[in-house]
Amino acid sequence: MDNSIAAGQPVNKPSKKPKKARNFHQLPPFWNAVVNLAVGLFSFACVYPFLFVVIISLTDEKALALNGYSLFPKKWSFEAYSYIFRTGDQLLRSYGVTIFITLVGTLLTVAIVSLYAYAISRSYFKFRGIFSFIAFFTMLFGGGLVPSYIVVSQVLHLKDTIWALILPMSVSAFSILIMRTFFKTMVPDAIIESGKIDGAGEFRVFISLVLPISLPGLATIGLFAALGYWNDWFNALLYIDDAKLVPLQSLLMKIETNIQFILQNSAIGSGTDRSAIARSLPAETTRMAMVVLATLPIIFAYPFFQRYFVQGLTIGSVKE
């Protein structure tokens, strides 16, 4: 007999196998499939309207009038796009104008907004309260349409110039306040102090240290600015008379107006030629084609900004 048993000492039982730690960040296979299915259905619901618009724009006008909207039209046709492209070089020129004002305007907006917001976000800036009030005041009170037109056309002499489509939208008070909050909460003072210790000036600190860790905020206001410039047609209506400077949205609006004018006059008049022309117009499919032409190019901007979102979030900051 073992001496330890004889002495009444407890016998060590074999230890149990430790339980595997549960990973709370990993779903069971069933719920993982359910979540993926729900996300997939939601993504399809977001993409489906645009796909439906593309299909309608490729549908024959007569088949659309007889059978209504369908995912599988009875007859396909490119007549709507052919009707729009009959404008000749004007469409390509308007595309070029819109792309130019979108690129230049977005860069100018990001530069002005970021510099303004960074200045009023620093506690040591003496006049930050005054400039913050100036930006906030413009959100509550505006001069109105007539004073804006007088300033742009008669004071700045920008009428019938490309800058009349860029400068009036280059400063956004809402974007300034957003970036001011971003700089105050996401840019530590230790970064700015480290740059000044190394002998860098304020502008060098802003370019080399602040901007690299501010890409998410810059990409956000850049995306808002790009959408605003791309979809703008009202400034062209006010300040542009030269056909060479007409942007895309304004051109598409004029095409839609011409279609409505022809349809209304054909309904009022009784001429057979006028009625035949009205019946031959692809009115409904042309509207959908204009939506596709106006929306499709700007869709490609989203992956560009998304890349900067990811890059900005992965850049390290101060390690305490």
Protein backbone atom coordinates (compact mmCIF):
# COMPACT_ATOMS: atom_id res chain seq x y z
CA MET A 1 0.00 0.00 0.00
CA ASP A 2 1.17 3.45 -0.83
CA ASN A 3 2.45 5.38 2.19
CA SER A 4 0.51 8.51 1.15
CA ILE A 5 -2.76 6.58 1.14
CA ALA A 6 -1.89 4.99 4.44
CA ALA A 7 -1.20 8.36 5.93
CA GLY A 8 -4.64 9.60 4.85
CA GLN A 9 -3.34 12.19 2.46
CA PRO A 10 -5.67 13.12 -0.48
CA VAL A 11 -4.88 11.64 -3.85
CA ASN A 12 -4.42 14.13 -6.71
CA LYS A 13 -7.07 13.44 -9.35
CA PRO A 14 -6.15 13.95 -13.00
CA SER A 15 -6.84 17.56 -14.03
CA LYS A 16 -9.76 18.23 -16.40
CA LYS A 17 -9.13 19.51 -19.86
CA PRO A 18 -9.47 23.34 -19.85
CA LYS A 19 -12.49 24.69 -21.68
CA LYS A 20 -11.87 26.46 -24.89
CA ALA A 21 -12.39 30.20 -24.58
CA ARG A 22 -15.47 31.38 -26.41
CA ASN A 23 -14.86 33.87 -29.18
CA PHE A 24 -17.56 36.51 -28.93
CA HIS A 25 -16.48 38.06 -32.24
CA GLN A 26 -17.34 34.94 -34.25
CA LEU A 27 -20.92 33.94 -34.98
CA PRO A 28 -22.09 30.33 -35.19
CA PRO A 29 -22.33 29.00 -38.75
CA PHE A 30 -26.13 29.26 -38.88
CA TRP A 31 -26.30 32.88 -37.72
CA ASN A 32 -23.32 33.76 -39.88
CA ALA A 33 -25.26 32.52 -42.92
CA VAL A 34 -28.36 34.45 -41.82
CA VAL A 35 -26.40 37.70 -41.42
CA ASN A 36 -24.67 37.28 -44.78
CA LEU A 37 -28.02 36.60 -46.45
CA ALA A 38 -29.57 39.70 -44.85
CA VAL A 39 -26.64 41.90 -45.89
CA GLY A 40 -26.77 40.47 -49.41
CA LEU A 41 -30.49 41.19 -49.73
CA PHE A 42 -29.98 44.73 -48.43
CA SER A 43 -27.16 45.31 -50.93
CA PHE A 44 -29.33 44.01 -53.76
CA ALA A 45 -32.17 46.30 -52.66
CA CYS A 46 -29.77 49.27 -52.91
CA VAL A 47 -28.49 48.31 -56.39
CA TYR A 48 -31.81 47.15 -57.84
CA PRO A 49 -33.36 50.62 -58.52
CA PHE A 50 -30.39 51.73 -60.60
CA LEU A 51 -30.33 48.45 -62.55
CA PHE A 52 -34.05 48.84 -63.19
CA VAL A 53 -33.48 52.37 -64.53
CA VAL A 54 -30.78 51.04 -66.88
CA ILE A 55 -33.15 48.36 -68.19
CA ILE A 56 -35.92 50.89 -68.78
CA SER A 57 -33.53 53.17 -70.67
CA LEU A 58 -32.77 50.25 -73.01
CA THR A 59 -36.43 49.42 -73.61
CA ASP A 60 -38.29 50.33 -76.76
CA GLU A 61 -40.67 53.25 -76.19
CA LYS A 62 -43.66 51.55 -77.82
CA ALA A 63 -43.09 48.31 -75.92
CA LEU A 64 -42.85 50.31 -72.71
CA ALA A 65 -46.16 52.05 -73.45
CA LEU A 66 -47.93 48.76 -74.23
CA ASN A 67 -46.45 46.43 -71.60
CA GLY A 68 -45.33 48.80 -68.86
CA TYR A 69 -42.15 48.51 -66.81
CA SER A 70 -40.53 45.08 -66.83
CA LEU A 71 -37.19 43.54 -65.96
CA PHE A 72 -37.37 41.57 -69.19
CA PRO A 73 -38.73 43.94 -71.84
CA LYS A 74 -40.34 42.60 -74.98
CA LYS A 75 -38.10 44.70 -77.20
CA TRP A 76 -34.73 46.31 -76.56
CA SER A 77 -33.74 49.62 -78.09
CA PHE A 78 -30.95 52.21 -77.94
CA GLU A 79 -33.18 54.94 -79.33
CA ALA A 80 -33.10 56.95 -76.09
CA TYR A 81 -29.30 57.15 -76.08
CA SER A 82 -29.28 57.83 -79.81
CA TYR A 83 -31.66 60.75 -79.28
CA ILE A 84 -29.43 62.23 -76.57
CA PHE A 85 -26.23 61.77 -78.56
CA ARG A 86 -27.75 63.63 -81.50
CA THR A 87 -26.59 66.78 -79.75
CA GLY A 88 -23.19 66.00 -81.30
CA ASP A 89 -20.09 67.42 -79.67
CA GLN A 90 -22.16 69.34 -77.13
CA LEU A 91 -22.64 66.29 -74.93
CA LEU A 92 -18.93 65.48 -74.82
CA ARG A 93 -18.13 69.13 -74.22
CA SER A 94 -20.60 69.29 -71.35
CA TYR A 95 -19.08 66.13 -69.88
CA GLY A 96 -15.66 67.78 -70.03
CA VAL A 97 -16.93 70.94 -68.35
CA THR A 98 -18.59 68.95 -65.56
CA ILE A 99 -15.51 66.80 -64.97
CA PHE A 100 -13.29 69.87 -64.86
CA ILE A 101 -15.41 71.83 -62.40
CA THR A 102 -15.84 68.70 -60.25
CA LEU A 103 -12.11 68.02 -59.98
CA VAL A 104 -10.97 71.62 -59.57
CA GLY A 105 -13.88 72.57 -57.32
CA THR A 106 -13.40 69.57 -55.04
CA LEU A 107 -9.68 70.25 -54.60
CA LEU A 108 -10.32 73.93 -53.97
CA THR A 109 -13.10 73.17 -51.47
CA VAL A 110 -10.98 70.67 -49.55
CA ALA A 111 -8.06 73.13 -49.41
CA ILE A 112 -10.12 76.10 -48.22
CA VAL A 113 -12.26 74.17 -45.75
CA SER A 114 -9.35 72.27 -44.20
CA LEU A 115 -7.21 75.39 -43.74
CA TYR A 116 -10.10 77.40 -42.29
CA ALA A 117 -11.20 74.58 -39.99
CA TYR A 118 -7.67 73.84 -38.76
CA ALA A 119 -7.12 77.47 -37.80
CA ILE A 120 -10.31 77.76 -35.73
CA SER A 121 -9.74 74.34 -34.13
CA ARG A 122 -6.52 75.43 -32.39
CA SER A 123 -7.03 76.84 -28.92
CA TYR A 124 -4.03 79.18 -29.22
CA PHE A 125 -5.48 80.98 -32.27
CA LYS A 126 -6.50 84.38 -30.95
CA PHE A 127 -9.39 85.08 -33.36
CA ARG A 128 -10.89 81.58 -33.50
CA GLY A 129 -14.16 82.78 -31.93
CA ILE A 130 -14.69 85.52 -34.50
CA PHE A 131 -14.01 83.29 -37.49
CA SER A 132 -16.17 80.50 -36.04
CA PHE A 133 -19.03 82.97 -35.67
CA ILE A 134 -18.57 84.18 -39.25
CA ALA A 135 -18.85 80.62 -40.58
CA PHE A 136 -21.84 79.79 -38.37
CA PHE A 137 -23.64 83.06 -39.20
CA THR A 138 -23.73 82.23 -42.91
CA MET A 139 -25.67 79.05 -42.10
CA LEU A 140 -28.46 81.07 -40.51
CA PHE A 141 -28.66 84.13 -42.74
CA GLY A 142 -27.97 84.55 -46.44
CA GLY A 143 -27.97 87.55 -48.72
CA GLY A 144 -30.43 86.02 -51.17
CA LEU A 145 -30.40 85.21 -54.84
CA VAL A 146 -30.32 88.77 -56.24
CA PRO A 147 -27.33 89.98 -54.16
CA SER A 148 -25.47 86.77 -55.00
CA TYR A 149 -26.08 87.31 -58.69
CA ILE A 150 -24.92 90.93 -58.47
CA VAL A 151 -21.73 89.96 -56.65
CA VAL A 152 -20.82 87.16 -59.04
CA SER A 153 -21.74 88.88 -62.30
CA GLN A 154 -21.09 92.58 -61.68
CA VAL A 155 -18.61 92.77 -58.80
CA LEU A 156 -16.44 89.73 -59.54
CA HIS A 157 -17.22 89.75 -63.30
CA LEU A 158 -17.46 85.96 -63.47
CA LYS A 159 -20.45 85.72 -65.78
CA ASP A 160 -19.86 83.35 -68.72
CA THR A 161 -16.64 82.05 -67.17
CA ILE A 162 -15.84 78.62 -65.80
CA TRP A 163 -15.15 80.13 -62.37
CA ALA A 164 -18.81 81.10 -62.02
CA LEU A 165 -19.48 77.36 -61.66
CA ILE A 166 -16.68 76.81 -59.13
CA LEU A 167 -16.21 79.75 -56.77
CA PRO A 168 -19.82 80.19 -55.51
CA MET A 169 -19.75 76.62 -54.13
CA SER A 170 -16.13 76.48 -52.98
CA VAL A 171 -16.78 77.31 -49.31
CA SER A 172 -19.25 75.38 -47.17
CA ALA A 173 -19.85 76.52 -43.61
CA PHE A 174 -21.28 73.12 -42.69
CA SER A 175 -18.10 71.37 -43.90
CA ILE A 176 -15.98 73.87 -41.97
CA LEU A 177 -17.76 73.07 -38.71
CA ILE A 178 -17.47 69.34 -39.36
CA MET A 179 -13.72 69.57 -40.00
CA ARG A 180 -13.22 71.85 -37.00
CA THR A 181 -14.76 69.20 -34.76
CA PHE A 182 -12.69 66.51 -36.49
CA PHE A 183 -9.42 68.38 -35.95
CA LYS A 184 -10.26 69.08 -32.29
CA THR A 185 -11.17 65.47 -31.45
CA MET A 186 -8.95 63.39 -33.74
CA VAL A 187 -5.70 65.38 -33.93
CA PRO A 188 -3.83 65.21 -30.60
CA ASP A 189 -1.92 68.24 -29.40
CA ALA A 190 1.14 66.02 -28.94
CA ILE A 191 1.51 65.73 -32.72
CA ILE A 192 1.54 69.48 -33.20
CA GLU A 193 3.89 69.98 -30.27
CA SER A 194 6.30 67.36 -31.61
CA GLY A 195 6.44 69.14 -34.96
CA LYS A 196 7.12 72.50 -33.34
CA ILE A 197 9.86 70.98 -31.17
CA ASP A 198 11.55 69.78 -34.36
CA GLY A 199 11.46 73.34 -35.70
CA ALA A 200 8.55 72.99 -38.16
CA GLY A 201 6.29 75.96 -38.78
CA GLU A 202 2.51 75.97 -38.57
CA PHE A 203 2.01 75.32 -42.27
CA ARG A 204 4.62 72.53 -42.31
CA VAL A 205 2.94 70.88 -39.32
CA PHE A 206 -0.39 71.06 -41.07
CA ILE A 207 0.89 69.56 -44.33
CA SER A 208 3.24 66.91 -42.94
CA LEU A 209 1.58 65.83 -39.69
CA VAL A 210 -2.08 66.84 -39.58
CA LEU A 211 -3.26 66.01 -43.10
CA PRO A 212 -1.96 62.39 -43.19
CA ILE A 213 -4.09 61.43 -40.16
CA SER A 214 -7.09 63.48 -41.33
CA LEU A 215 -7.85 61.60 -44.54
CA PRO A 216 -11.23 60.24 -43.34
CA GLY A 217 -12.53 63.75 -42.69
CA LEU A 218 -11.01 65.15 -45.88
CA ALA A 219 -12.46 62.32 -47.94
CA THR A 220 -15.90 62.96 -46.43
CA ILE A 221 -16.04 66.64 -47.30
CA GLY A 222 -14.39 65.90 -50.63
CA LEU A 223 -17.15 63.44 -51.49
CA PHE A 224 -19.85 65.94 -50.51
CA ALA A 225 -18.17 68.63 -52.61
CA ALA A 226 -17.79 66.34 -55.63
CA LEU A 227 -21.46 65.38 -55.51
CA GLY A 228 -22.45 69.02 -55.20
CA TYR A 229 -20.38 70.12 -58.21
CA TRP A 230 -21.43 67.16 -60.34
CA ASN A 231 -25.16 67.65 -59.72
CA ASP A 232 -25.16 71.45 -59.93
CA TRP A 233 -27.21 72.98 -62.71
CA PHE A 234 -28.61 76.11 -61.07
CA ASN A 235 -25.41 78.17 -61.28
CA ALA A 236 -25.18 77.40 -64.99
CA LEU A 237 -28.76 78.57 -65.40
CA LEU A 238 -27.87 81.90 -63.75
CA TYR A 239 -24.39 82.71 -65.01
CA ILE A 240 -23.74 80.75 -68.22
CA ASP A 241 -24.96 81.79 -71.67
CA ASP A 242 -22.07 80.40 -73.68
CA ALA A 243 -22.89 76.91 -75.04
CA LYS A 244 -19.26 75.85 -74.65
CA LEU A 245 -19.49 76.22 -70.84
CA VAL A 246 -22.80 74.43 -70.28
CA PRO A 247 -22.30 71.55 -67.80
CA LEU A 248 -23.84 68.12 -68.14
CA GLN A 249 -26.76 68.55 -65.76
CA SER A 250 -27.84 71.78 -67.41
CA LEU A 251 -27.67 70.18 -70.87
CA LEU A 252 -29.78 67.22 -69.77
CA MET A 253 -32.30 69.59 -68.25
CA LYS A 254 -32.56 71.45 -71.56
CA ILE A 255 -33.13 68.18 -73.42
CA GLU A 256 -35.90 67.27 -71.00
CA THR A 257 -37.45 70.72 -71.42
CA ASN A 258 -37.40 70.38 -75.20
CA ILE A 259 -39.15 67.00 -75.00
CA GLN A 260 -41.84 68.41 -72.75
CA PHE A 261 -42.30 71.39 -75.08
CA ILE A 262 -42.79 69.14 -78.12
CA LEU A 263 -45.22 66.86 -76.30
CA GLN A 264 -47.31 69.73 -74.98
CA ASN A 265 -47.52 71.46 -78.35
CA SER A 266 -48.46 68.23 -80.09
CA ALA A 267 -51.32 67.77 -77.63
CA ILE A 268 -52.58 71.30 -78.22
CA GLY A 269 -52.16 71.35 -82.00
CA SER A 270 -53.85 69.17 -84.55
CA GLY A 271 -51.17 68.80 -87.19
CA THR A 272 -50.43 65.25 -88.27
CA ASP A 273 -46.72 65.91 -88.72
CA ARG A 274 -46.46 67.36 -85.24
CA SER A 275 -48.30 64.39 -83.72
CA ALA A 276 -46.10 61.93 -85.60
CA ILE A 277 -42.96 63.63 -84.31
CA ALA A 278 -44.28 63.55 -80.75
CA ARG A 279 -45.15 59.85 -81.00
CA SER A 280 -41.67 59.06 -82.29
CA LEU A 281 -39.94 60.73 -79.36
CA PRO A 282 -38.62 58.29 -76.73
CA ALA A 283 -39.79 60.50 -73.87
CA GLU A 284 -39.88 58.05 -70.95
CA THR A 285 -36.81 56.05 -71.93
CA THR A 286 -34.89 59.27 -72.57
CA ARG A 287 -35.54 60.37 -69.00
CA MET A 288 -34.10 57.11 -67.73
CA ALA A 289 -31.14 57.39 -70.11
CA MET A 290 -30.40 60.85 -68.74
CA VAL A 291 -30.41 59.43 -65.21
CA VAL A 292 -27.90 56.79 -66.28
CA LEU A 293 -25.64 59.28 -68.06
CA ALA A 294 -25.71 61.65 -65.09
CA THR A 295 -25.24 58.99 -62.41
CA LEU A 296 -22.88 56.40 -63.87
CA PRO A 297 -19.65 58.48 -63.95
CA ILE A 298 -19.98 59.71 -60.37
CA ILE A 299 -20.41 56.13 -59.16
CA PHE A 300 -16.76 55.52 -59.97
CA ALA A 301 -15.78 58.23 -57.48
CA TYR A 302 -16.97 56.18 -54.52
CA PRO A 303 -14.20 53.51 -54.69
CA PHE A 304 -11.64 56.32 -54.95
CA PHE A 305 -12.85 57.96 -51.74
CA GLN A 306 -13.33 54.57 -50.06
CA ARG A 307 -9.64 53.82 -50.60
CA TYR A 308 -8.71 56.98 -48.74
CA PHE A 309 -11.16 56.15 -45.96
CA VAL A 310 -9.37 52.84 -45.36
CA GLN A 311 -5.93 54.41 -45.71
CA GLY A 312 -6.74 57.15 -43.23
CA LEU A 313 -8.12 54.74 -40.66
CA THR A 314 -5.02 52.52 -40.79
CA ILE A 315 -2.47 55.29 -40.29
CA GLY A 316 -1.12 55.29 -36.76
CA SER A 317 -1.14 58.30 -34.49
CA VAL A 318 0.32 58.93 -31.04
CA LYS A 319 1.07 55.98 -28.81
CA GLU A 320 0.71 56.86 -25.17
